[in-house]
């Protein structure tokens, strides 16, 4: 039964593997191997809390088993307890210094804690021990690029080519091309790769993002259809030119910001005669009441992922953001809220958005979302001397980040992050602040809907909505863009931001 559980886990049948290991434990409650592999069953299926509980049991039964320590460290990492994860991997390595899995996982933990120098050293040590260790060369090359050393990343990929997964190699080299400013070579490289290997879904998605960043809309949106792994799209998929009376339900896929972004394509769908409904997070409902999107009811003739609309409509333009409005009463209440905090002018600030890699899971789901962040201390220093009040709209800040920002700002700031739970109140505040410095996040889409702007700090590599280069984006006209350079040194962009903000 234990062997059958291992086979089921290897084959991705998590229900069967759980059943097998539980039958083992029903007969032998102290079977530490079953506890350990049950933990991996839960890790692989994305059930991190259950995984941690079962990893602890395996470790309690056999405390010096380094494999169980490694499982426990991974479970700590998956639940966001990175300090405990690091300590557990170090304990395993003390017992077995050449234990490669624990060494790689320790490097991952340090990388997530933004200790890049030590993570690099450990990755390089692991690669010297086993050049063919899965994903290791690709992860090390990624960290090198993120540290501003694309040349070393390219050399590493070339040296590791024969030991690497071919798709990882092609994508890594394309990313090196982008780092050197050669978008055309990256596009050509990925184009040849997917032509030879149509099954390479991640390479297709990467190419779609590059095409979008280059403004090649028609082909880009067709390739973007591949982001839904479960359903392979048909090449050239489109909607009829007339959809008179057809009831179409749009399903939002990712976050609130993505839903707001893709709503800009709904008018083109309605122009073809369709009656459109939207399935989305409840938090969005107050913003969309009266739009007709929430009032549409079944039966629906079609259901579409909202991110498929540009491809299905064959869009080659950049339509404006979905319009949003704030009433005069809401603006008045927002002004009163701000006046109670301090004098104007009011500057809103956000320094982190997207996937927080320190809290993201590695198992149970492919992590494809882009992290967008810059050091809050550097941002605070750039904003020092603002003549009015500074408002923090930073949701999910890590411990100590607000204090780091405040110390560099050398002035009080006011935490309004709770407004993220009340989008109408947040929209009203965004409608009356004097300026906003941020990374790309949901609030940027809200401001675009209000026909207002923000100053957007764009980490490298840029999210496709902010294009490959330039001081603005066609999706957000009028939004000044401050791009992180290849060196990853924010000094230049932040100096320019300060100069323009303090005029």
Foldseek 3Di string as FASTA:
>chain_A
DQVQLVVCVVVVNLVVNLVVLVVVCVVPVLPLVSLQVNLVSCQQQLNLVSSLVSLVSSCVSPVLDLSSLQSNLQSCQQQLNLVSSLVSLVSSCVSPVLPLSSLLSNLLSCVLVVVLVVSLVSLVVSCVVPVLDACSLLVSLVSCLLQLNLVVNLVSLVVSVVSYDVLSSLQSVLQSCLQVVNLVVSLVSLVVVCVVPVPSLVSLCVNLLSCLLALVQQVSLQSPVSVPVVDDDDRQAADDQADAAAEEEEEEDDDPLSVQQLVLLVVSVVVNRYQAAYDDDPLCVVFCPPVSRPVDDDDGPYYYHSSNRCNRHSDSAQGFTAATDADPVLLVVLVVVVVVVWFDQEEEEEFWDKDSSSNHRVHSDHPDIDIGGDQLLVLLLLQAPHPIAYEYLYPPDDPPRVVSSCVNNVDDHHYPVVCVSRVNNVLSNLVRHPAYEYADDSVQSSCSNNVHEYAHEAEPPGRSQQHSDDQGGSHRPPHGYQYQHSSSDSVVSSNVVSVVVVD
